[in-house]
Amino acid sequence: MEKDLCVKGWNWGTVKFGGQLLSFDIGDQPVFEIPLSNVSQCTTGKNEVTLEFHQNDDAEVSLMEVRFYVPPTQEDGVDPVEAFAQNVL
């Protein structure tokens, strides 16, 4: 299936979780999608979440990790970093 992807080059947007898929969108257009089955480990920091991926021995070059900055919110009792990590897991 072909999708029109956003190619603006921005590094901020909205993360959406749908089943076993993480989608990073700018406006209404997706920039990239990550199948969560490819994530081997998810770790959290102060304001970021790091996703590490399974190593692909068949590829010459492969993506090993990606980090998402999660801005703090003013909501009481909800840690946005932990909520993001729980959606990944």
PDB file of N, CA and C in Angstrom:
ATOM      1  N   MET A   1       0.837  -1.177   0.000  1.00  0.00           N
ATOM      2  CA  MET A   1       0.000   0.000   0.000  1.00  0.00           C
ATOM      3  C   MET A   1       0.885   1.244   0.000  1.00  0.00           C
ATOM      4  N   GLU A   2       0.599   2.172  -0.860  1.00  0.00           N
ATOM      5  CA  GLU A   2       1.363   3.408  -0.936  1.00  0.00           C
ATOM      6  C   GLU A   2       0.757   4.455  -0.030  1.00  0.00           C
ATOM      7  N   LYS A   3       1.626   5.214   0.656  1.00  0.00           N
ATOM      8  CA  LYS A   3       1.193   6.304   1.524  1.00  0.00           C
ATOM      9  C   LYS A   3       1.984   7.544   1.164  1.00  0.00           C
ATOM     10  N   ASP A   4       1.329   8.686   1.215  1.00  0.00           N
ATOM     11  CA  ASP A   4       2.032   9.951   1.056  1.00  0.00           C
ATOM     12  C   ASP A   4       2.647  10.317   2.392  1.00  0.00           C
ATOM     13  N   LEU A   5       3.982  10.433   2.425  1.00  0.00           N
ATOM     14  CA  LEU A   5       4.691  10.748   3.655  1.00  0.00           C
ATOM     15  C   LEU A   5       5.064  12.224   3.682  1.00  0.00           C
ATOM     16  N   CYS A   6       5.139  12.764   4.865  1.00  0.00           N
ATOM     17  CA  CYS A   6       5.561  14.148   5.053  1.00  0.00           C
ATOM     18  C   CYS A   6       7.082  14.192   4.936  1.00  0.00           C
ATOM     19  N   VAL A   7       7.598  15.091   4.132  1.00  0.00           N
ATOM     20  CA  VAL A   7       9.041  15.194   3.933  1.00  0.00           C
ATOM     21  C   VAL A   7       9.534  16.607   4.252  1.00  0.00           C
ATOM     22  N   LYS A   8       8.919  17.265   5.226  1.00  0.00           N
ATOM     23  CA  LYS A   8       9.289  18.627   5.597  1.00  0.00           C
ATOM     24  C   LYS A   8      10.659  18.694   6.264  1.00  0.00           C
ATOM     25  N   GLY A   9      11.099  17.615   6.898  1.00  0.00           N
ATOM     26  CA  GLY A   9      12.388  17.614   7.584  1.00  0.00           C
ATOM     27  C   GLY A   9      12.303  18.112   9.013  1.00  0.00           C
ATOM     28  N   TRP A  10      11.110  18.286   9.531  1.00  0.00           N
ATOM     29  CA  TRP A  10      10.957  18.726  10.921  1.00  0.00           C
ATOM     30  C   TRP A  10      11.280  17.570  11.856  1.00  0.00           C
ATOM     31  N   ASN A  11      11.738  17.901  13.060  1.00  0.00           N
ATOM     32  CA  ASN A  11      12.034  16.854  14.031  1.00  0.00           C
ATOM     33  C   ASN A  11      11.070  16.904  15.210  1.00  0.00           C
ATOM     34  N   TRP A  12       9.895  17.498  15.022  1.00  0.00           N
ATOM     35  CA  TRP A  12       8.867  17.486  16.048  1.00  0.00           C
ATOM     36  C   TRP A  12       7.541  17.117  15.401  1.00  0.00           C
ATOM     37  N   GLY A  13       6.714  16.510  16.192  1.00  0.00           N
ATOM     38  CA  GLY A  13       5.429  16.071  15.670  1.00  0.00           C
ATOM     39  C   GLY A  13       4.656  15.350  16.756  1.00  0.00           C
ATOM     40  N   THR A  14       3.773  14.464  16.338  1.00  0.00           N
ATOM     41  CA  THR A  14       2.901  13.731  17.250  1.00  0.00           C
ATOM     42  C   THR A  14       3.110  12.240  17.053  1.00  0.00           C
ATOM     43  N   VAL A  15       3.233  11.529  18.161  1.00  0.00           N
ATOM     44  CA  VAL A  15       3.346  10.072  18.111  1.00  0.00           C
ATOM     45  C   VAL A  15       1.971   9.482  18.352  1.00  0.00           C
ATOM     46  N   LYS A  16       1.591   8.536  17.491  1.00  0.00           N
ATOM     47  CA  LYS A  16       0.312   7.843  17.634  1.00  0.00           C
ATOM     48  C   LYS A  16       0.577   6.348  17.698  1.00  0.00           C
ATOM     49  N   PHE A  17      -0.122   5.669  18.591  1.00  0.00           N
ATOM     50  CA  PHE A  17       0.001   4.228  18.725  1.00  0.00           C
ATOM     51  C   PHE A  17      -1.267   3.586  18.194  1.00  0.00           C
ATOM     52  N   GLY A  18      -1.090   2.610  17.316  1.00  0.00           N
ATOM     53  CA  GLY A  18      -2.223   1.879  16.773  1.00  0.00           C
ATOM     54  C   GLY A  18      -1.884   0.405  16.709  1.00  0.00           C
ATOM     55  N   GLY A  19      -2.330  -0.347  17.691  1.00  0.00           N
ATOM     56  CA  GLY A  19      -2.012  -1.774  17.725  1.00  0.00           C
ATOM     57  C   GLY A  19      -0.523  -1.984  17.920  1.00  0.00           C
ATOM     58  N   GLN A  20       0.107  -2.665  16.982  1.00  0.00           N
ATOM     59  CA  GLN A  20       1.542  -2.937  17.053  1.00  0.00           C
ATOM     60  C   GLN A  20       2.346  -1.987  16.161  1.00  0.00           C
ATOM     61  N   LEU A  21       1.881  -0.730  16.016  1.00  0.00           N
ATOM     62  CA  LEU A  21       2.530   0.225  15.138  1.00  0.00           C
ATOM     63  C   LEU A  21       2.636   1.581  15.818  1.00  0.00           C
ATOM     64  N   LEU A  22       3.832   2.163  15.795  1.00  0.00           N
ATOM     65  CA  LEU A  22       4.056   3.522  16.266  1.00  0.00           C
ATOM     66  C   LEU A  22       4.174   4.394  15.027  1.00  0.00           C
ATOM     67  N   SER A  23       3.400   5.454  14.961  1.00  0.00           N
ATOM     68  CA  SER A  23       3.419   6.360  13.820  1.00  0.00           C
ATOM     69  C   SER A  23       3.821   7.747  14.296  1.00  0.00           C
ATOM     70  N   PHE A  24       4.811   8.360  13.647  1.00  0.00           N
ATOM     71  CA  PHE A  24       5.232   9.723  13.943  1.00  0.00           C
ATOM     72  C   PHE A  24       4.679  10.613  12.849  1.00  0.00           C
ATOM     73  N   ASP A  25       3.776  11.523  13.234  1.00  0.00           N
ATOM     74  CA  ASP A  25       3.045  12.329  12.268  1.00  0.00           C
ATOM     75  C   ASP A  25       3.349  13.814  12.441  1.00  0.00           C
ATOM     76  N   ILE A  26       3.321  14.519  11.327  1.00  0.00           N
ATOM     77  CA  ILE A  26       3.345  15.981  11.315  1.00  0.00           C
ATOM     78  C   ILE A  26       2.047  16.408  10.657  1.00  0.00           C
ATOM     79  N   GLY A  27       1.200  17.042  11.446  1.00  0.00           N
ATOM     80  CA  GLY A  27      -0.133  17.365  10.943  1.00  0.00           C
ATOM     81  C   GLY A  27      -0.914  16.081  10.748  1.00  0.00           C
ATOM     82  N   ASP A  28      -1.447  15.899   9.546  1.00  0.00           N
ATOM     83  CA  ASP A  28      -2.202  14.688   9.234  1.00  0.00           C
ATOM     84  C   ASP A  28      -1.392  13.668   8.449  1.00  0.00           C
ATOM     85  N   GLN A  29      -0.129  13.988   8.142  1.00  0.00           N
ATOM     86  CA  GLN A  29       0.693  13.089   7.328  1.00  0.00           C
ATOM     87  C   GLN A  29       1.728  12.366   8.176  1.00  0.00           C
ATOM     88  N   PRO A  30       1.878  11.057   7.964  1.00  0.00           N
ATOM     89  CA  PRO A  30       2.918  10.319   8.690  1.00  0.00           C
ATOM     90  C   PRO A  30       4.301  10.645   8.134  1.00  0.00           C
ATOM     91  N   VAL A  31       5.288  10.683   9.024  1.00  0.00           N
ATOM     92  CA  VAL A  31       6.687  10.867   8.632  1.00  0.00           C
ATOM     93  C   VAL A  31       7.353   9.498   8.541  1.00  0.00           C
ATOM     94  N   PHE A  32       7.158   8.683   9.583  1.00  0.00           N
ATOM     95  CA  PHE A  32       7.640   7.303   9.567  1.00  0.00           C
ATOM     96  C   PHE A  32       6.791   6.465  10.505  1.00  0.00           C
ATOM     97  N   GLU A  33       6.874   5.155  10.298  1.00  0.00           N
ATOM     98  CA  GLU A  33       6.171   4.197  11.147  1.00  0.00           C
ATOM     99  C   GLU A  33       7.163   3.150  11.625  1.00  0.00           C
ATOM    100  N   ILE A  34       6.990   2.706  12.864  1.00  0.00           N
ATOM    101  CA  ILE A  34       7.858   1.687  13.440  1.00  0.00           C
ATOM    102  C   ILE A  34       6.978   0.536  13.918  1.00  0.00           C
ATOM    103  N   PRO A  35       7.175  -0.667  13.363  1.00  0.00           N
ATOM    104  CA  PRO A  35       6.473  -1.828  13.922  1.00  0.00           C
ATOM    105  C   PRO A  35       7.045  -2.139  15.307  1.00  0.00           C
ATOM    106  N   LEU A  36       6.211  -2.155  16.315  1.00  0.00           N
ATOM    107  CA  LEU A  36       6.693  -2.353  17.678  1.00  0.00           C
ATOM    108  C   LEU A  36       7.257  -3.749  17.908  1.00  0.00           C
ATOM    109  N   SER A  37       6.997  -4.675  17.003  1.00  0.00           N
ATOM    110  CA  SER A  37       7.584  -6.013  17.117  1.00  0.00           C
ATOM    111  C   SER A  37       9.085  -5.978  16.857  1.00  0.00           C
ATOM    112  N   ASN A  38       9.591  -4.904  16.237  1.00  0.00           N
ATOM    113  CA  ASN A  38      11.030  -4.761  15.981  1.00  0.00           C
ATOM    114  C   ASN A  38      11.781  -4.155  17.156  1.00  0.00           C
ATOM    115  N   VAL A  39      11.079  -3.703  18.190  1.00  0.00           N
ATOM    116  CA  VAL A  39      11.711  -3.082  19.351  1.00  0.00           C
ATOM    117  C   VAL A  39      12.181  -4.182  20.296  1.00  0.00           C
ATOM    118  N   SER A  40      13.478  -4.156  20.639  1.00  0.00           N
ATOM    119  CA  SER A  40      14.005  -5.159  21.557  1.00  0.00           C
ATOM    120  C   SER A  40      14.038  -4.653  22.992  1.00  0.00           C
ATOM    121  N   GLN A  41      14.172  -3.330  23.173  1.00  0.00           N
ATOM    122  CA  GLN A  41      14.232  -2.772  24.516  1.00  0.00           C
ATOM    123  C   GLN A  41      13.745  -1.332  24.491  1.00  0.00           C
ATOM    124  N   CYS A  42      13.083  -0.931  25.556  1.00  0.00           N
ATOM    125  CA  CYS A  42      12.588   0.436  25.709  1.00  0.00           C
ATOM    126  C   CYS A  42      13.057   0.943  27.062  1.00  0.00           C
ATOM    127  N   THR A  43      13.844   2.019  27.071  1.00  0.00           N
ATOM    128  CA  THR A  43      14.328   2.597  28.320  1.00  0.00           C
ATOM    129  C   THR A  43      13.899   4.053  28.398  1.00  0.00           C
ATOM    130  N   THR A  44      13.766   4.536  29.632  1.00  0.00           N
ATOM    131  CA  THR A  44      13.345   5.910  29.840  1.00  0.00           C
ATOM    132  C   THR A  44      14.433   6.696  30.542  1.00  0.00           C
ATOM    133  N   GLY A  45      14.442   7.986  30.288  1.00  0.00           N
ATOM    134  CA  GLY A  45      15.324   8.918  30.968  1.00  0.00           C
ATOM    135  C   GLY A  45      14.473  10.012  31.573  1.00  0.00           C
ATOM    136  N   LYS A  46      15.078  11.155  31.837  1.00  0.00           N
ATOM    137  CA  LYS A  46      14.333  12.247  32.457  1.00  0.00           C
ATOM    138  C   LYS A  46      13.185  12.712  31.560  1.00  0.00           C
ATOM    139  N   ASN A  47      13.496  13.078  30.337  1.00  0.00           N
ATOM    140  CA  ASN A  47      12.465  13.550  29.405  1.00  0.00           C
ATOM    141  C   ASN A  47      12.553  12.850  28.064  1.00  0.00           C
ATOM    142  N   GLU A  48      13.096  11.632  28.037  1.00  0.00           N
ATOM    143  CA  GLU A  48      13.197  10.939  26.759  1.00  0.00           C
ATOM    144  C   GLU A  48      12.958   9.449  26.906  1.00  0.00           C
ATOM    145  N   VAL A  49      12.568   8.862  25.779  1.00  0.00           N
ATOM    146  CA  VAL A  49      12.356   7.421  25.692  1.00  0.00           C
ATOM    147  C   VAL A  49      13.250   6.908  24.572  1.00  0.00           C
ATOM    148  N   THR A  50      14.023   5.864  24.853  1.00  0.00           N
ATOM    149  CA  THR A  50      14.926   5.269  23.876  1.00  0.00           C
ATOM    150  C   THR A  50      14.389   3.908  23.461  1.00  0.00           C
ATOM    151  N   LEU A  51      14.240   3.725  22.148  1.00  0.00           N
ATOM    152  CA  LEU A  51      13.826   2.440  21.599  1.00  0.00           C
ATOM    153  C   LEU A  51      15.042   1.801  20.940  1.00  0.00           C
ATOM    154  N   GLU A  52      15.368   0.586  21.357  1.00  0.00           N
ATOM    155  CA  GLU A  52      16.453  -0.167  20.739  1.00  0.00           C
ATOM    156  C   GLU A  52      15.838  -1.287  19.919  1.00  0.00           C
ATOM    157  N   PHE A  53      16.464  -1.575  18.763  1.00  0.00           N
ATOM    158  CA  PHE A  53      15.904  -2.528  17.815  1.00  0.00           C
ATOM    159  C   PHE A  53      16.747  -3.790  17.723  1.00  0.00           C
ATOM    160  N   HIS A  54      16.115  -4.870  17.267  1.00  0.00           N
ATOM    161  CA  HIS A  54      16.820  -6.123  17.026  1.00  0.00           C
ATOM    162  C   HIS A  54      17.857  -5.894  15.932  1.00  0.00           C
ATOM    163  N   GLN A  55      19.012  -6.523  16.087  1.00  0.00           N
ATOM    164  CA  GLN A  55      20.072  -6.398  15.094  1.00  0.00           C
ATOM    165  C   GLN A  55      19.721  -7.213  13.859  1.00  0.00           C
ATOM    166  N   ASN A  56      19.923  -6.617  12.689  1.00  0.00           N
ATOM    167  CA  ASN A  56      19.656  -7.290  11.421  1.00  0.00           C
ATOM    168  C   ASN A  56      21.002  -7.647  10.795  1.00  0.00           C
ATOM    169  N   ASP A  57      21.392  -8.916  10.879  1.00  0.00           N
ATOM    170  CA  ASP A  57      22.690  -9.350  10.356  1.00  0.00           C
ATOM    171  C   ASP A  57      22.729  -9.395   8.835  1.00  0.00           C
ATOM    172  N   ASP A  58      21.572  -9.409   8.181  1.00  0.00           N
ATOM    173  CA  ASP A  58      21.520  -9.476   6.723  1.00  0.00           C
ATOM    174  C   ASP A  58      21.729  -8.129   6.058  1.00  0.00           C
ATOM    175  N   ALA A  59      21.561  -7.050   6.786  1.00  0.00           N
ATOM    176  CA  ALA A  59      21.677  -5.708   6.202  1.00  0.00           C
ATOM    177  C   ALA A  59      23.065  -5.129   6.457  1.00  0.00           C
ATOM    178  N   GLU A  60      23.560  -4.365   5.473  1.00  0.00           N
ATOM    179  CA  GLU A  60      24.853  -3.702   5.654  1.00  0.00           C
ATOM    180  C   GLU A  60      24.753  -2.577   6.672  1.00  0.00           C
ATOM    181  N   VAL A  61      23.643  -1.860   6.639  1.00  0.00           N
ATOM    182  CA  VAL A  61      23.390  -0.756   7.556  1.00  0.00           C
ATOM    183  C   VAL A  61      22.008  -0.955   8.155  1.00  0.00           C
ATOM    184  N   SER A  62      21.891  -0.808   9.477  1.00  0.00           N
ATOM    185  CA  SER A  62      20.581  -0.951  10.107  1.00  0.00           C
ATOM    186  C   SER A  62      20.449   0.057  11.246  1.00  0.00           C
ATOM    187  N   LEU A  63      19.229   0.442  11.515  1.00  0.00           N
ATOM    188  CA  LEU A  63      18.917   1.355  12.601  1.00  0.00           C
ATOM    189  C   LEU A  63      18.956   0.575  13.908  1.00  0.00           C
ATOM    190  N   MET A  64      19.734   1.061  14.871  1.00  0.00           N
ATOM    191  CA  MET A  64      19.873   0.351  16.139  1.00  0.00           C
ATOM    192  C   MET A  64      19.065   0.983  17.257  1.00  0.00           C
ATOM    193  N   GLU A  65      18.896   2.329  17.244  1.00  0.00           N
ATOM    194  CA  GLU A  65      18.101   2.961  18.277  1.00  0.00           C
ATOM    195  C   GLU A  65      17.557   4.290  17.781  1.00  0.00           C
ATOM    196  N   VAL A  66      16.481   4.714  18.417  1.00  0.00           N
ATOM    197  CA  VAL A  66      15.897   6.015  18.149  1.00  0.00           C
ATOM    198  C   VAL A  66      15.438   6.570  19.492  1.00  0.00           C
ATOM    199  N   ARG A  67      15.594   7.882  19.664  1.00  0.00           N
ATOM    200  CA  ARG A  67      15.207   8.528  20.918  1.00  0.00           C
ATOM    201  C   ARG A  67      14.117   9.551  20.650  1.00  0.00           C
ATOM    202  N   PHE A  68      13.145   9.576  21.552  1.00  0.00           N
ATOM    203  CA  PHE A  68      12.053  10.532  21.477  1.00  0.00           C
ATOM    204  C   PHE A  68      12.107  11.426  22.706  1.00  0.00           C
ATOM    205  N   TYR A  69      12.132  12.743  22.482  1.00  0.00           N
ATOM    206  CA  TYR A  69      12.012  13.704  23.582  1.00  0.00           C
ATOM    207  C   TYR A  69      10.533  13.849  23.896  1.00  0.00           C
ATOM    208  N   VAL A  70      10.194  13.728  25.163  1.00  0.00           N
ATOM    209  CA  VAL A  70       8.803  13.854  25.602  1.00  0.00           C
ATOM    210  C   VAL A  70       8.725  15.087  26.504  1.00  0.00           C
ATOM    211  N   PRO A  71       8.083  16.158  26.032  1.00  0.00           N
ATOM    212  CA  PRO A  71       8.010  17.369  26.861  1.00  0.00           C
ATOM    213  C   PRO A  71       7.179  17.125  28.113  1.00  0.00           C
ATOM    214  N   PRO A  72       7.552  17.775  29.213  1.00  0.00           N
ATOM    215  CA  PRO A  72       6.775  17.602  30.446  1.00  0.00           C
ATOM    216  C   PRO A  72       5.398  18.242  30.311  1.00  0.00           C
ATOM    217  N   THR A  73       4.435  17.685  31.041  1.00  0.00           N
ATOM    218  CA  THR A  73       3.079  18.234  31.041  1.00  0.00           C
ATOM    219  C   THR A  73       2.701  18.640  32.456  1.00  0.00           C
ATOM    220  N   GLN A  74       1.620  19.360  32.571  1.00  0.00           N
ATOM    221  CA  GLN A  74       1.149  19.842  33.865  1.00  0.00           C
ATOM    222  C   GLN A  74       0.086  18.937  34.484  1.00  0.00           C
ATOM    223  N   GLU A  75      -0.198  17.794  33.854  1.00  0.00           N
ATOM    224  CA  GLU A  75      -1.218  16.895  34.387  1.00  0.00           C
ATOM    225  C   GLU A  75      -0.727  16.237  35.679  1.00  0.00           C
ATOM    226  N   ASP A  76      -1.583  16.205  36.671  1.00  0.00           N
ATOM    227  CA  ASP A  76      -1.230  15.609  37.957  1.00  0.00           C
ATOM    228  C   ASP A  76      -1.317  14.090  37.892  1.00  0.00           C
ATOM    229  N   GLY A  77      -0.283  13.435  38.404  1.00  0.00           N
ATOM    230  CA  GLY A  77      -0.302  11.990  38.526  1.00  0.00           C
ATOM    231  C   GLY A  77       0.034  11.216  37.267  1.00  0.00           C
ATOM    232  N   VAL A  78       0.246  11.886  36.134  1.00  0.00           N
ATOM    233  CA  VAL A  78       0.539  11.185  34.890  1.00  0.00           C
ATOM    234  C   VAL A  78       1.937  11.583  34.420  1.00  0.00           C
ATOM    235  N   ASP A  79       2.834  10.618  34.368  1.00  0.00           N
ATOM    236  CA  ASP A  79       4.182  10.857  33.842  1.00  0.00           C
ATOM    237  C   ASP A  79       4.154  10.538  32.350  1.00  0.00           C
ATOM    238  N   PRO A  80       4.316  11.547  31.477  1.00  0.00           N
ATOM    239  CA  PRO A  80       4.207  11.291  30.041  1.00  0.00           C
ATOM    240  C   PRO A  80       5.289  10.362  29.509  1.00  0.00           C
ATOM    241  N   VAL A  81       6.470  10.361  30.121  1.00  0.00           N
ATOM    242  CA  VAL A  81       7.547   9.470  29.677  1.00  0.00           C
ATOM    243  C   VAL A  81       7.167   8.024  29.961  1.00  0.00           C
ATOM    244  N   GLU A  82       6.661   7.746  31.153  1.00  0.00           N
ATOM    245  CA  GLU A  82       6.255   6.385  31.502  1.00  0.00           C
ATOM    246  C   GLU A  82       5.053   5.936  30.675  1.00  0.00           C
ATOM    247  N   ALA A  83       4.138   6.863  30.403  1.00  0.00           N
ATOM    248  CA  ALA A  83       2.969   6.513  29.582  1.00  0.00           C
ATOM    249  C   ALA A  83       3.406   6.132  28.166  1.00  0.00           C
ATOM    250  N   PHE A  84       4.374   6.864  27.613  1.00  0.00           N
ATOM    251  CA  PHE A  84       4.913   6.559  26.288  1.00  0.00           C
ATOM    252  C   PHE A  84       5.549   5.177  26.294  1.00  0.00           C
ATOM    253  N   ALA A  85       6.386   4.906  27.304  1.00  0.00           N
ATOM    254  CA  ALA A  85       7.069   3.604  27.398  1.00  0.00           C
ATOM    255  C   ALA A  85       6.073   2.464  27.560  1.00  0.00           C
ATOM    256  N   GLN A  86       5.016   2.661  28.326  1.00  0.00           N
ATOM    257  CA  GLN A  86       4.016   1.604  28.508  1.00  0.00           C
ATOM    258  C   GLN A  86       3.269   1.335  27.210  1.00  0.00           C
ATOM    259  N   ASN A  87       3.046   2.368  26.388  1.00  0.00           N
ATOM    260  CA  ASN A  87       2.412   2.142  25.073  1.00  0.00           C
ATOM    261  C   ASN A  87       3.315   1.336  24.157  1.00  0.00           C
ATOM    262  N   VAL A  88       4.619   1.543  24.260  1.00  0.00           N
ATOM    263  CA  VAL A  88       5.562   0.775  23.439  1.00  0.00           C
ATOM    264  C   VAL A  88       5.578  -0.671  23.891  1.00  0.00           C
ATOM    265  N   LEU A  89       5.604  -0.882  25.188  1.00  0.00           N
ATOM    266  CA  LEU A  89       5.674  -2.245  25.713  1.00  0.00           C
ATOM    267  C   LEU A  89       4.337  -2.945  25.562  1.00  0.00           C
TER     268      LEU A  89
END
